[in-house]
Protein backbone atom coordinates (compact mmCIF):
# COMPACT_ATOMS: atom_id res chain seq x y z
CA MET A 1 -0.02 -0.04 -0.02
CA ASN A 2 1.26 3.38 -1.11
CA ILE A 3 0.13 6.05 1.26
CA LEU A 4 0.25 9.85 0.16
CA HIS A 5 -0.08 12.11 3.21
CA ILE A 6 -0.55 15.85 2.69
CA ASP A 7 -0.88 18.37 5.09
CA SER A 8 -1.44 22.01 4.09
CA CYS A 9 -2.14 23.95 7.64
CA ALA A 10 0.06 26.58 8.09
CA LEU A 11 -0.60 26.44 12.21
CA GLY A 12 1.74 23.40 12.79
CA ASP A 13 1.14 21.42 15.95
CA ASN A 14 -1.72 23.64 16.72
CA SER A 15 -3.56 22.54 13.60
CA VAL A 16 -6.59 19.90 14.08
CA SER A 17 -6.13 18.74 10.59
CA ARG A 18 -2.42 17.76 11.17
CA GLN A 19 -3.35 16.17 14.19
CA VAL A 20 -6.11 14.13 12.69
CA THR A 21 -3.95 13.21 9.46
CA SER A 22 -1.07 11.96 11.49
CA ALA A 23 -3.76 9.71 13.48
CA THR A 24 -5.12 8.29 10.41
CA VAL A 25 -1.73 7.55 8.81
CA ALA A 26 -0.48 5.76 12.02
CA ALA A 27 -3.59 3.71 11.86
CA LEU A 28 -3.07 2.79 8.28
CA THR A 29 0.42 1.81 8.78
CA GLU A 30 -0.21 0.14 12.01
CA ALA A 31 -2.60 -2.11 9.96
CA ASN A 32 -0.37 -2.51 6.95
CA ALA A 33 3.02 -3.39 8.08
CA GLN A 34 4.22 -3.42 4.22
CA ALA A 35 2.75 0.41 3.69
CA THR A 36 5.09 3.02 2.51
CA VAL A 37 4.35 6.76 3.05
CA LEU A 38 5.42 9.62 1.12
CA TYR A 39 4.68 12.86 3.33
CA ARG A 40 4.34 16.36 1.77
CA ASP A 41 3.87 19.35 3.77
CA LEU A 42 2.39 21.99 1.67
CA ALA A 43 2.91 24.54 4.38
CA ALA A 44 6.39 24.12 5.14
CA SER A 45 7.54 23.61 1.68
CA PRO A 46 4.83 25.53 -0.67
CA LEU A 47 4.51 25.38 -4.22
CA SER A 48 4.62 28.48 -6.48
CA HIS A 49 1.00 29.31 -7.53
CA ALA A 50 0.81 28.37 -11.19
CA SER A 51 1.49 31.08 -13.69
CA GLY A 52 0.05 30.94 -17.25
CA PRO A 53 3.34 29.79 -18.99
CA LEU A 54 3.53 27.08 -16.53
CA LEU A 55 -0.21 26.02 -16.93
CA GLN A 56 0.66 26.25 -20.70
CA VAL A 57 3.53 24.05 -20.40
CA ILE A 58 1.79 21.17 -18.11
CA SER A 59 -1.20 21.06 -20.37
CA GLN A 60 0.74 20.65 -23.37
CA ARG A 61 -0.38 24.08 -24.78
CA TRP A 62 2.60 25.97 -24.84
CA ASP A 63 3.17 28.97 -26.73
CA ALA A 64 6.34 28.92 -28.52
CA ASP A 65 6.74 32.83 -28.41
CA ILE A 66 6.93 32.38 -24.70
CA PRO A 67 10.69 31.75 -24.07
CA MET A 68 11.25 28.58 -21.98
CA ASN A 69 13.58 28.99 -19.01
CA ALA A 70 14.95 27.03 -16.48
CA GLU A 71 12.85 27.92 -13.72
CA LEU A 72 9.71 26.75 -15.79
CA ARG A 73 11.35 23.73 -17.06
CA ALA A 74 11.99 22.92 -13.17
CA GLU A 75 8.47 23.70 -12.38
CA ALA A 76 7.04 21.59 -15.02
CA LEU A 77 9.43 18.72 -13.78
CA GLN A 78 8.11 19.36 -10.26
CA SER A 79 4.32 19.32 -11.53
CA ALA A 80 4.84 16.00 -13.44
CA SER A 81 6.64 14.59 -9.98
CA LEU A 82 3.36 15.45 -8.01
CA ALA A 83 1.16 14.07 -10.54
CA GLN A 84 3.19 10.78 -10.49
CA GLU A 85 3.00 10.80 -6.76
CA PHE A 86 -0.79 10.98 -6.84
CA GLN A 87 -0.92 8.20 -9.44
CA ASP A 88 1.23 5.56 -7.62
CA ALA A 89 -0.59 6.28 -4.38
CA ASP A 90 -3.41 3.64 -3.23
CA VAL A 91 -4.34 5.80 -0.28
CA VAL A 92 -4.33 9.85 -0.19
CA VAL A 93 -4.53 11.31 3.17
CA LEU A 94 -5.48 14.65 2.76
CA GLY A 95 -5.25 17.72 5.21
CA ALA A 96 -7.51 20.24 3.73
CA PRO A 97 -8.78 22.88 6.38
CA LEU A 98 -11.26 25.51 5.70
CA HIS A 99 -9.02 28.64 5.54
CA ASN A 100 -10.65 32.05 5.02
CA PHE A 101 -13.51 30.07 3.37
CA SER A 102 -11.49 28.14 1.21
CA VAL A 103 -8.52 25.76 1.28
CA PRO A 104 -5.31 27.24 2.17
CA SER A 105 -3.46 28.89 -0.96
CA THR A 106 -0.65 26.29 -0.76
CA LEU A 107 -3.05 23.34 -1.26
CA LYS A 108 -4.93 25.23 -4.20
CA ALA A 109 -1.59 25.39 -5.77
CA TRP A 110 -1.09 21.36 -5.63
CA MET A 111 -4.58 20.97 -6.85
CA ASP A 112 -4.05 23.39 -9.72
CA ARG A 113 -1.49 21.62 -11.22
CA LEU A 114 -3.12 18.16 -10.76
CA LEU A 115 -6.26 19.62 -12.13
CA GLU A 116 -4.38 20.76 -15.21
CA LEU A 117 -2.49 17.87 -15.73
CA GLN A 118 -6.03 15.80 -15.70
CA THR A 119 -7.26 18.02 -18.62
CA THR A 120 -4.36 16.11 -20.90
CA SER A 121 -4.57 12.63 -19.22
CA SER A 122 -8.06 11.50 -18.24
CA LYS A 123 -7.35 7.97 -16.19
CA PRO A 124 -10.05 6.82 -13.46
CA ARG A 125 -8.64 6.27 -10.16
CA ASP A 126 -11.22 3.66 -8.83
CA ASP A 127 -8.21 2.04 -7.17
CA LEU A 128 -7.41 5.34 -5.03
CA HIS A 129 -8.99 5.92 -1.54
CA LEU A 130 -9.05 9.58 -0.63
CA LEU A 131 -9.49 10.35 3.17
CA LEU A 132 -10.33 13.97 3.30
CA VAL A 133 -9.53 15.47 6.54
CA THR A 134 -11.29 18.74 6.77
CA SER A 135 -11.32 20.98 10.03
CA GLY A 136 -12.37 24.81 10.18
CA CYS A 137 -13.55 27.18 12.88
CA GLY A 138 -16.87 28.50 13.32
CA VAL A 139 -17.74 31.74 11.77
CA MET A 140 -20.43 33.61 13.90
CA GLY A 141 -23.40 35.26 12.08
CA LEU A 142 -22.71 34.32 8.55
CA ALA A 143 -23.68 31.01 7.99
CA SER A 144 -24.10 27.48 10.24
CA VAL A 145 -20.45 25.78 10.50
CA ASP A 146 -22.23 22.59 9.08
CA GLU A 147 -23.12 24.40 5.99
CA LEU A 148 -19.88 26.01 5.38
CA MET A 149 -18.09 22.78 5.83
CA ASN A 150 -20.44 21.05 3.60
CA ASN A 151 -19.66 23.33 0.84
CA HIS A 152 -16.00 23.21 1.45
CA GLU A 153 -16.25 19.37 1.23
CA ASN A 154 -18.49 19.20 -1.66
CA GLN A 155 -16.19 21.63 -3.59
CA LEU A 156 -13.10 19.15 -2.70
CA LYS A 157 -14.97 16.19 -3.67
CA ALA A 158 -16.00 17.60 -7.17
CA ALA A 159 -12.29 18.45 -7.85
CA PHE A 160 -11.11 15.03 -7.13
CA GLN A 161 -13.95 13.56 -8.81
CA PHE A 162 -12.62 15.35 -11.92
CA LEU A 163 -9.54 13.69 -11.25
CA GLY A 164 -11.34 10.20 -11.28
CA VAL A 165 -11.25 9.62 -7.67
CA SER A 166 -14.93 8.04 -6.66
CA ARG A 167 -13.90 6.79 -3.33
CA VAL A 168 -13.82 9.47 -0.74
CA ASN A 169 -14.29 9.54 2.84
CA VAL A 170 -14.76 12.69 4.82
CA VAL A 171 -12.73 12.84 8.27
CA ARG A 172 -13.72 15.96 10.27
CA GLY A 173 -12.27 14.65 13.27
CA LEU A 174 -10.38 11.83 15.32
CA ALA A 175 -13.70 10.26 16.08
CA ASP A 176 -14.36 9.92 12.27
CA VAL A 177 -10.84 7.94 11.76
CA PRO A 178 -12.22 4.58 12.77
CA GLN A 179 -15.29 4.66 10.63
CA ALA A 180 -13.35 5.99 7.62
CA LEU A 181 -10.78 3.10 8.05
CA ARG A 182 -13.48 0.46 8.19
CA LEU A 183 -14.99 1.90 5.17
CA ARG A 184 -11.56 1.84 3.46
CA SER A 185 -11.01 -1.81 4.23
CA ALA A 186 -14.57 -2.93 3.14
CA ALA A 187 -14.14 -1.16 -0.38
């Protein structure tokens, strides 16, 4: 089992999503002694945001009038590497907290690359199980926390559905981890 563990919250040890992703990966590796884990901390090592030229390169719509430089080549190679990590994973444990009514910008940068690459390679990922770890704080007076979280999770599910992932379990807290792992083993 190849596990891709991604954290994106900038709060470090104070992050609920980091605590839950860590507990989830620990439970998965305890249950699967042969499991390998690839960890990516998008807050500690953020990706650059996708520029127009980068999106053109990774989606194979390059405009020959734009000069290709070493930095752009490196960004394109990094994007291909990120896509390969995602393709090689059997399980993705993704920390996706609600931050200012959306995902952290570092997670958005990662997703932009995967989503743009998906437009050139539509390979269904029926074998991949996504454990989507969400968290967020209550915002008083605007909408219920559940309504905000449901919207947040539905947007993420739609993005991963576009990537061909149909097996998604949402994990909002430590209490949800055992149920998500039971669903994963039943699938």
